[in-house]
Amino acid sequence: MKNILIAPSLLASDFGKVYESIELINKSDADWIHCDVMDGRFVPNISFGFPVLAAAKRVAKKPLDVHLMILEPENYLSDFKKAGADILTVHLEASPHLHRTVHAIRDLGMSPGVAINPHTSVDLLYEIIADIDLVCLMSVNPGFGGQKFIEHTYSKIDRLKNLIISRNSKAKIEIDGGVDFTNASKLVSSGADVLVAGNTVFAAVNPQEAIAKLKFSVANTITS
């Protein structure tokens, strides 16, 4: 049976209680910890960097899924490795030498991923899809949490799945933005493998129960 991964996003957590949020994820049914790194240049916001990631790594018992929303990511790959990234995703739109960057990530011992914005065609991944482990489809415009899910993501997943199969790639499809209980099952039915959940988890009265509910809902989708 296909195992759907849930990756709670630290961006939606209380930054004054980062350790507590990570411990919560450690004890939950979540699979990865999603970390959004923003530089205020590629996206109109700034989030955490190396010190916070390194601190998170010290207590995390789940892999750190690090999503770089930054320009010139190739300049910082070894720094993110040292900070504890297990999966490192760069944006196609910010990486003019994407092939080189992807292989440098793998050579450093991390799992390479590529993210694309809502307006970017999946066809642009044709030449790189067989070299990566993850495609992060942005289902909101990157830069801020809590945005409304973009509906054309479903058809985009379908096109991406066909590309992955045609290129004999093993890349997982990750959905980032606006994932909640109303669309999780449909996303999985469409072909998603990893769901990033921010406010759905951390705005819940009981975040661990919210994670468990997401897991249960998509498991039922797979087996139904």
C-alpha atoms as a PDB file:
ATOM      1  CA  MET A   1       0.000   0.000   0.000  1.00  0.00           C
ATOM      2  CA  LYS A   2       1.243   3.483  -0.862  1.00  0.00           C
ATOM      3  CA  ASN A   3       2.467   5.384   2.186  1.00  0.00           C
ATOM      4  CA  ILE A   4       1.441   9.035   2.194  1.00  0.00           C
ATOM      5  CA  LEU A   5       3.821  11.275   4.117  1.00  0.00           C
ATOM      6  CA  ILE A   6       2.680  14.179   6.290  1.00  0.00           C
ATOM      7  CA  ALA A   7       5.136  17.043   6.776  1.00  0.00           C
ATOM      8  CA  PRO A   8       4.004  19.671   9.308  1.00  0.00           C
ATOM      9  CA  SER A   9       5.429  23.091   8.462  1.00  0.00           C
ATOM     10  CA  LEU A  10       7.376  24.875  11.197  1.00  0.00           C
ATOM     11  CA  LEU A  11       6.565  28.189   9.509  1.00  0.00           C
ATOM     12  CA  ALA A  12       3.053  27.947  10.982  1.00  0.00           C
ATOM     13  CA  SER A  13       4.270  27.134  14.490  1.00  0.00           C
ATOM     14  CA  ASP A  14       4.871  29.508  17.406  1.00  0.00           C
ATOM     15  CA  PHE A  15       8.497  30.590  16.908  1.00  0.00           C
ATOM     16  CA  GLY A  16       8.739  31.213  20.646  1.00  0.00           C
ATOM     17  CA  LYS A  17       8.125  27.511  21.185  1.00  0.00           C
ATOM     18  CA  VAL A  18      10.116  25.873  18.400  1.00  0.00           C
ATOM     19  CA  TYR A  19      11.467  23.095  20.606  1.00  0.00           C
ATOM     20  CA  GLU A  20       7.974  22.311  21.879  1.00  0.00           C
ATOM     21  CA  SER A  21       6.617  22.230  18.316  1.00  0.00           C
ATOM     22  CA  ILE A  22       9.329  19.821  17.194  1.00  0.00           C
ATOM     23  CA  GLU A  23       8.782  17.576  20.215  1.00  0.00           C
ATOM     24  CA  LEU A  24       5.090  17.554  19.335  1.00  0.00           C
ATOM     25  CA  ILE A  25       5.911  16.433  15.799  1.00  0.00           C
ATOM     26  CA  ASN A  26       8.360  13.835  17.147  1.00  0.00           C
ATOM     27  CA  LYS A  27       5.568  12.219  19.142  1.00  0.00           C
ATOM     28  CA  SER A  28       3.001  12.432  16.334  1.00  0.00           C
ATOM     29  CA  ASP A  29       2.197  10.359  13.248  1.00  0.00           C
ATOM     30  CA  ALA A  30       4.009  12.895  11.045  1.00  0.00           C
ATOM     31  CA  ASP A  31       6.818  11.691   8.790  1.00  0.00           C
ATOM     32  CA  TRP A  32       8.915  14.783   8.040  1.00  0.00           C
ATOM     33  CA  ILE A  33       9.410  18.264   9.488  1.00  0.00           C
ATOM     34  CA  HIS A  34       8.996  20.872   6.750  1.00  0.00           C
ATOM     35  CA  CYS A  35      11.215  23.956   7.080  1.00  0.00           C
ATOM     36  CA  ASP A  36      10.662  26.962   4.810  1.00  0.00           C
ATOM     37  CA  VAL A  37      13.713  29.179   4.363  1.00  0.00           C
ATOM     38  CA  MET A  38      12.932  32.598   2.863  1.00  0.00           C
ATOM     39  CA  ASP A  39      15.380  35.366   1.986  1.00  0.00           C
ATOM     40  CA  GLY A  40      13.122  38.391   1.378  1.00  0.00           C
ATOM     41  CA  ARG A  41      14.360  38.491  -2.219  1.00  0.00           C
ATOM     42  CA  PHE A  42      12.976  35.454  -4.037  1.00  0.00           C
ATOM     43  CA  VAL A  43       9.832  35.808  -1.914  1.00  0.00           C
ATOM     44  CA  PRO A  44       8.538  38.901  -0.054  1.00  0.00           C
ATOM     45  CA  ASN A  45       9.220  37.527   3.409  1.00  0.00           C
ATOM     46  CA  ILE A  46      12.097  36.411   5.625  1.00  0.00           C
ATOM     47  CA  SER A  47      11.984  33.314   7.830  1.00  0.00           C
ATOM     48  CA  PHE A  48      14.580  31.345   9.761  1.00  0.00           C
ATOM     49  CA  GLY A  49      18.071  30.315   8.691  1.00  0.00           C
ATOM     50  CA  PHE A  50      20.983  28.171   9.783  1.00  0.00           C
ATOM     51  CA  PRO A  51      20.876  28.712  13.592  1.00  0.00           C
ATOM     52  CA  VAL A  52      17.201  27.748  13.846  1.00  0.00           C
ATOM     53  CA  LEU A  53      17.667  24.738  11.564  1.00  0.00           C
ATOM     54  CA  ALA A  54      20.656  23.555  13.562  1.00  0.00           C
ATOM     55  CA  ALA A  55      18.674  23.951  16.789  1.00  0.00           C
ATOM     56  CA  ALA A  56      15.755  22.049  15.263  1.00  0.00           C
ATOM     57  CA  LYS A  57      18.058  19.232  14.161  1.00  0.00           C
ATOM     58  CA  ARG A  58      19.299  18.743  17.716  1.00  0.00           C
ATOM     59  CA  VAL A  59      15.840  17.684  18.892  1.00  0.00           C
ATOM     60  CA  ALA A  60      14.197  16.412  15.696  1.00  0.00           C
ATOM     61  CA  LYS A  61      13.558  12.684  15.383  1.00  0.00           C
ATOM     62  CA  LYS A  62      12.044  13.048  11.922  1.00  0.00           C
ATOM     63  CA  PRO A  63      13.884  14.070   8.721  1.00  0.00           C
ATOM     64  CA  LEU A  64      14.182  17.804   8.082  1.00  0.00           C
ATOM     65  CA  ASP A  65      12.525  18.612   4.748  1.00  0.00           C
ATOM     66  CA  VAL A  66      14.128  21.979   3.929  1.00  0.00           C
ATOM     67  CA  HIS A  67      12.483  24.107   1.237  1.00  0.00           C
ATOM     68  CA  LEU A  68      14.700  26.942   0.005  1.00  0.00           C
ATOM     69  CA  MET A  69      12.768  29.960  -1.235  1.00  0.00           C
ATOM     70  CA  ILE A  70      15.957  31.886  -1.835  1.00  0.00           C
ATOM     71  CA  LEU A  71      18.031  33.245  -4.685  1.00  0.00           C
ATOM     72  CA  GLU A  72      21.411  31.673  -5.430  1.00  0.00           C
ATOM     73  CA  PRO A  73      20.744  28.518  -3.367  1.00  0.00           C
ATOM     74  CA  GLU A  74      23.842  26.895  -4.848  1.00  0.00           C
ATOM     75  CA  ASN A  75      26.003  29.146  -2.644  1.00  0.00           C
ATOM     76  CA  TYR A  76      24.662  27.649   0.599  1.00  0.00           C
ATOM     77  CA  LEU A  77      24.261  23.917   0.008  1.00  0.00           C
ATOM     78  CA  SER A  78      27.051  22.769   2.317  1.00  0.00           C
ATOM     79  CA  ASP A  79      25.803  25.153   5.008  1.00  0.00           C
ATOM     80  CA  PHE A  80      22.366  23.567   4.906  1.00  0.00           C
ATOM     81  CA  LYS A  81      23.962  20.139   5.107  1.00  0.00           C
ATOM     82  CA  LYS A  82      25.875  21.226   8.227  1.00  0.00           C
ATOM     83  CA  ALA A  83      22.676  22.678   9.699  1.00  0.00           C
ATOM     84  CA  GLY A  84      20.991  19.299   9.403  1.00  0.00           C
ATOM     85  CA  ALA A  85      18.912  19.226   6.212  1.00  0.00           C
ATOM     86  CA  ASP A  86      17.989  15.711   5.113  1.00  0.00           C
ATOM     87  CA  ILE A  87      15.922  16.709   2.072  1.00  0.00           C
ATOM     88  CA  LEU A  88      16.928  19.935   0.328  1.00  0.00           C
ATOM     89  CA  THR A  89      14.597  21.489  -2.238  1.00  0.00           C
ATOM     90  CA  VAL A  90      15.516  24.420  -4.480  1.00  0.00           C
ATOM     91  CA  HIS A  91      13.242  26.396  -6.773  1.00  0.00           C
ATOM     92  CA  LEU A  92      13.535  25.881 -10.492  1.00  0.00           C
ATOM     93  CA  GLU A  93      12.861  29.608 -10.938  1.00  0.00           C
ATOM     94  CA  ALA A  94      15.868  30.504  -8.733  1.00  0.00           C
ATOM     95  CA  SER A  95      18.358  27.968 -10.118  1.00  0.00           C
ATOM     96  CA  PRO A  96      19.823  28.761 -13.540  1.00  0.00           C
ATOM     97  CA  HIS A  97      22.229  25.802 -13.260  1.00  0.00           C
ATOM     98  CA  LEU A  98      19.704  23.365 -11.853  1.00  0.00           C
ATOM     99  CA  HIS A  99      21.399  20.134 -12.947  1.00  0.00           C
ATOM    100  CA  ARG A 100      24.654  21.126 -11.264  1.00  0.00           C
ATOM    101  CA  THR A 101      22.847  22.205  -8.094  1.00  0.00           C
ATOM    102  CA  VAL A 102      20.759  19.028  -7.846  1.00  0.00           C
ATOM    103  CA  HIS A 103      23.815  16.802  -8.189  1.00  0.00           C
ATOM    104  CA  ALA A 104      25.760  18.894  -5.676  1.00  0.00           C
ATOM    105  CA  ILE A 105      22.939  18.345  -3.170  1.00  0.00           C
ATOM    106  CA  ARG A 106      23.105  14.587  -3.687  1.00  0.00           C
ATOM    107  CA  ASP A 107      26.900  14.556  -3.502  1.00  0.00           C
ATOM    108  CA  LEU A 108      26.638  16.231  -0.086  1.00  0.00           C
ATOM    109  CA  GLY A 109      24.483  13.346   1.130  1.00  0.00           C
ATOM    110  CA  MET A 110      21.091  15.051   1.016  1.00  0.00           C
ATOM    111  CA  SER A 111      18.030  14.055  -0.985  1.00  0.00           C
ATOM    112  CA  PRO A 112      17.500  16.613  -3.792  1.00  0.00           C
ATOM    113  CA  GLY A 113      14.162  18.192  -4.592  1.00  0.00           C
ATOM    114  CA  VAL A 114      12.922  20.863  -6.990  1.00  0.00           C
ATOM    115  CA  ALA A 115      10.010  23.209  -6.279  1.00  0.00           C
ATOM    116  CA  ILE A 116       7.933  25.074  -8.852  1.00  0.00           C
ATOM    117  CA  ASN A 117       5.606  28.030  -8.407  1.00  0.00           C
ATOM    118  CA  PRO A 118       1.898  27.877  -9.342  1.00  0.00           C
ATOM    119  CA  HIS A 119       2.459  29.561 -12.718  1.00  0.00           C
ATOM    120  CA  THR A 120       5.405  27.324 -13.710  1.00  0.00           C
ATOM    121  CA  SER A 121       4.705  24.437 -16.084  1.00  0.00           C
ATOM    122  CA  VAL A 122       5.646  20.915 -15.018  1.00  0.00           C
ATOM    123  CA  ASP A 123       7.007  20.441 -18.560  1.00  0.00           C
ATOM    124  CA  LEU A 124      10.065  22.454 -17.502  1.00  0.00           C
ATOM    125  CA  LEU A 125      11.025  19.540 -15.244  1.00  0.00           C
ATOM    126  CA  TYR A 126      11.431  17.150 -18.193  1.00  0.00           C
ATOM    127  CA  GLU A 127      15.243  17.227 -18.258  1.00  0.00           C
ATOM    128  CA  ILE A 128      15.732  17.005 -14.470  1.00  0.00           C
ATOM    129  CA  ILE A 129      12.900  14.776 -13.234  1.00  0.00           C
ATOM    130  CA  ALA A 130      14.943  11.542 -13.362  1.00  0.00           C
ATOM    131  CA  ASP A 131      17.704  13.118 -11.234  1.00  0.00           C
ATOM    132  CA  ILE A 132      15.608  14.203  -8.255  1.00  0.00           C
ATOM    133  CA  ASP A 133      13.791  12.532  -5.378  1.00  0.00           C
ATOM    134  CA  LEU A 134      11.058  15.114  -4.854  1.00  0.00           C
ATOM    135  CA  VAL A 135       8.989  17.688  -6.721  1.00  0.00           C
ATOM    136  CA  CYS A 136       7.389  20.306  -4.511  1.00  0.00           C
ATOM    137  CA  LEU A 137       4.327  21.744  -6.238  1.00  0.00           C
ATOM    138  CA  MET A 138       3.444  25.103  -4.733  1.00  0.00           C
ATOM    139  CA  SER A 139      -0.325  25.191  -4.386  1.00  0.00           C
ATOM    140  CA  VAL A 140      -0.198  28.795  -3.157  1.00  0.00           C
ATOM    141  CA  ASN A 141       2.098  31.635  -4.140  1.00  0.00           C
ATOM    142  CA  PRO A 142       5.251  31.234  -2.040  1.00  0.00           C
ATOM    143  CA  GLY A 143       6.171  33.622   0.739  1.00  0.00           C
ATOM    144  CA  PHE A 144       3.358  33.527   3.278  1.00  0.00           C
ATOM    145  CA  GLY A 145       1.414  30.904   5.198  1.00  0.00           C
ATOM    146  CA  GLY A 146      -2.353  30.689   5.427  1.00  0.00           C
ATOM    147  CA  GLN A 147      -3.144  31.359   1.747  1.00  0.00           C
ATOM    148  CA  LYS A 148      -6.060  29.883  -0.180  1.00  0.00           C
ATOM    149  CA  PHE A 149      -5.366  26.662  -2.096  1.00  0.00           C
ATOM    150  CA  ILE A 150      -5.088  27.088  -5.893  1.00  0.00           C
ATOM    151  CA  GLU A 151      -7.548  24.698  -7.548  1.00  0.00           C
ATOM    152  CA  HIS A 152      -5.638  24.015 -10.754  1.00  0.00           C
ATOM    153  CA  THR A 153      -3.088  22.128  -8.629  1.00  0.00           C
ATOM    154  CA  TYR A 154      -5.094  18.917  -9.169  1.00  0.00           C
ATOM    155  CA  SER A 155      -4.591  18.912 -12.935  1.00  0.00           C
ATOM    156  CA  LYS A 156      -0.967  19.868 -12.433  1.00  0.00           C
ATOM    157  CA  ILE A 157      -0.438  16.799 -10.232  1.00  0.00           C
ATOM    158  CA  ASP A 158      -1.888  14.621 -12.986  1.00  0.00           C
ATOM    159  CA  ARG A 159       0.464  16.069 -15.607  1.00  0.00           C
ATOM    160  CA  LEU A 160       3.427  15.717 -13.275  1.00  0.00           C
ATOM    161  CA  LYS A 161       2.564  12.101 -12.472  1.00  0.00           C
ATOM    162  CA  ASN A 162       2.504  11.301 -16.190  1.00  0.00           C
ATOM    163  CA  LEU A 163       5.888  12.977 -16.634  1.00  0.00           C
ATOM    164  CA  ILE A 164       7.387  11.002 -13.727  1.00  0.00           C
ATOM    165  CA  ILE A 165       6.142   7.722 -15.212  1.00  0.00           C
ATOM    166  CA  SER A 166       7.250   8.553 -18.747  1.00  0.00           C
ATOM    167  CA  ARG A 167      10.765   9.456 -17.567  1.00  0.00           C
ATOM    168  CA  ASN A 168      11.024   6.433 -15.239  1.00  0.00           C
ATOM    169  CA  SER A 169      11.622   8.743 -12.289  1.00  0.00           C
ATOM    170  CA  LYS A 170      11.189   7.814  -8.647  1.00  0.00           C
ATOM    171  CA  ALA A 171      10.411  11.393  -7.574  1.00  0.00           C
ATOM    172  CA  LYS A 172       7.709  11.899  -4.968  1.00  0.00           C
ATOM    173  CA  ILE A 173       5.106  14.631  -5.449  1.00  0.00           C
ATOM    174  CA  GLU A 174       4.870  17.037  -2.518  1.00  0.00           C
ATOM    175  CA  ILE A 175       2.056  19.593  -2.184  1.00  0.00           C
ATOM    176  CA  ASP A 176       2.856  22.768  -0.275  1.00  0.00           C
ATOM    177  CA  GLY A 177       0.201  25.355   0.529  1.00  0.00           C
ATOM    178  CA  GLY A 178      -3.410  25.347   1.652  1.00  0.00           C
ATOM    179  CA  VAL A 179      -3.548  21.636   2.472  1.00  0.00           C
ATOM    180  CA  ASP A 180      -6.403  20.854   4.840  1.00  0.00           C
ATOM    181  CA  PHE A 181      -9.049  18.240   5.637  1.00  0.00           C
ATOM    182  CA  THR A 182     -11.222  19.334   2.707  1.00  0.00           C
ATOM    183  CA  ASN A 183      -8.634  18.653  -0.021  1.00  0.00           C
ATOM    184  CA  ALA A 184      -6.136  16.130   1.398  1.00  0.00           C
ATOM    185  CA  SER A 185      -7.944  13.060   0.098  1.00  0.00           C
ATOM    186  CA  LYS A 186      -8.429  14.532  -3.373  1.00  0.00           C
ATOM    187  CA  LEU A 187      -4.754  15.492  -3.534  1.00  0.00           C
ATOM    188  CA  VAL A 188      -3.750  11.926  -2.733  1.00  0.00           C
ATOM    189  CA  SER A 189      -6.269  10.533  -5.225  1.00  0.00           C
ATOM    190  CA  SER A 190      -4.731  12.817  -7.831  1.00  0.00           C
ATOM    191  CA  GLY A 191      -1.257  11.400  -7.173  1.00  0.00           C
ATOM    192  CA  ALA A 192       0.336  13.333  -4.284  1.00  0.00           C
ATOM    193  CA  ASP A 193       2.816  11.478  -2.063  1.00  0.00           C
ATOM    194  CA  VAL A 194       3.693  14.137   0.537  1.00  0.00           C
ATOM    195  CA  LEU A 195       1.375  16.722   2.102  1.00  0.00           C
ATOM    196  CA  VAL A 196       2.817  19.798   3.793  1.00  0.00           C
ATOM    197  CA  ALA A 197       0.420  21.039   6.469  1.00  0.00           C
ATOM    198  CA  GLY A 198       0.889  24.330   8.287  1.00  0.00           C
ATOM    199  CA  ASN A 199      -2.117  26.046   9.796  1.00  0.00           C
ATOM    200  CA  THR A 200      -4.133  22.829   9.580  1.00  0.00           C
ATOM    201  CA  VAL A 201      -1.779  21.392  12.191  1.00  0.00           C
ATOM    202  CA  PHE A 202      -0.589  24.310  14.291  1.00  0.00           C
ATOM    203  CA  ALA A 203      -3.871  26.251  14.416  1.00  0.00           C
ATOM    204  CA  ALA A 204      -5.659  23.140  15.688  1.00  0.00           C
ATOM    205  CA  VAL A 205      -6.621  22.800  19.338  1.00  0.00           C
ATOM    206  CA  ASN A 206      -4.703  19.519  19.362  1.00  0.00           C
ATOM    207  CA  PRO A 207      -2.007  19.477  16.648  1.00  0.00           C
ATOM    208  CA  GLN A 208      -1.177  15.798  17.187  1.00  0.00           C
ATOM    209  CA  GLU A 209      -4.808  14.863  16.655  1.00  0.00           C
ATOM    210  CA  ALA A 210      -4.876  16.996  13.502  1.00  0.00           C
ATOM    211  CA  ILE A 211      -1.861  15.115  12.126  1.00  0.00           C
ATOM    212  CA  ALA A 212      -3.465  11.785  13.002  1.00  0.00           C
ATOM    213  CA  LYS A 213      -6.703  12.871  11.313  1.00  0.00           C
ATOM    214  CA  LEU A 214      -4.834  13.808   8.120  1.00  0.00           C
ATOM    215  CA  LYS A 215      -3.028  10.477   8.139  1.00  0.00           C
ATOM    216  CA  PHE A 216      -6.259   8.578   8.673  1.00  0.00           C
ATOM    217  CA  SER A 217      -8.169  10.455   5.963  1.00  0.00           C
ATOM    218  CA  VAL A 218      -5.539   9.835   3.269  1.00  0.00           C
ATOM    219  CA  ALA A 219      -5.043   6.206   4.329  1.00  0.00           C
ATOM    220  CA  ASN A 220      -8.748   5.654   3.763  1.00  0.00           C
ATOM    221  CA  THR A 221      -8.392   7.305   0.349  1.00  0.00           C
ATOM    222  CA  ILE A 222      -5.649   4.883  -0.653  1.00  0.00           C
ATOM    223  CA  THR A 223      -7.461   1.763   0.472  1.00  0.00           C
ATOM    224  CA  SER A 224     -10.952   2.743  -0.765  1.00  0.00           C
END
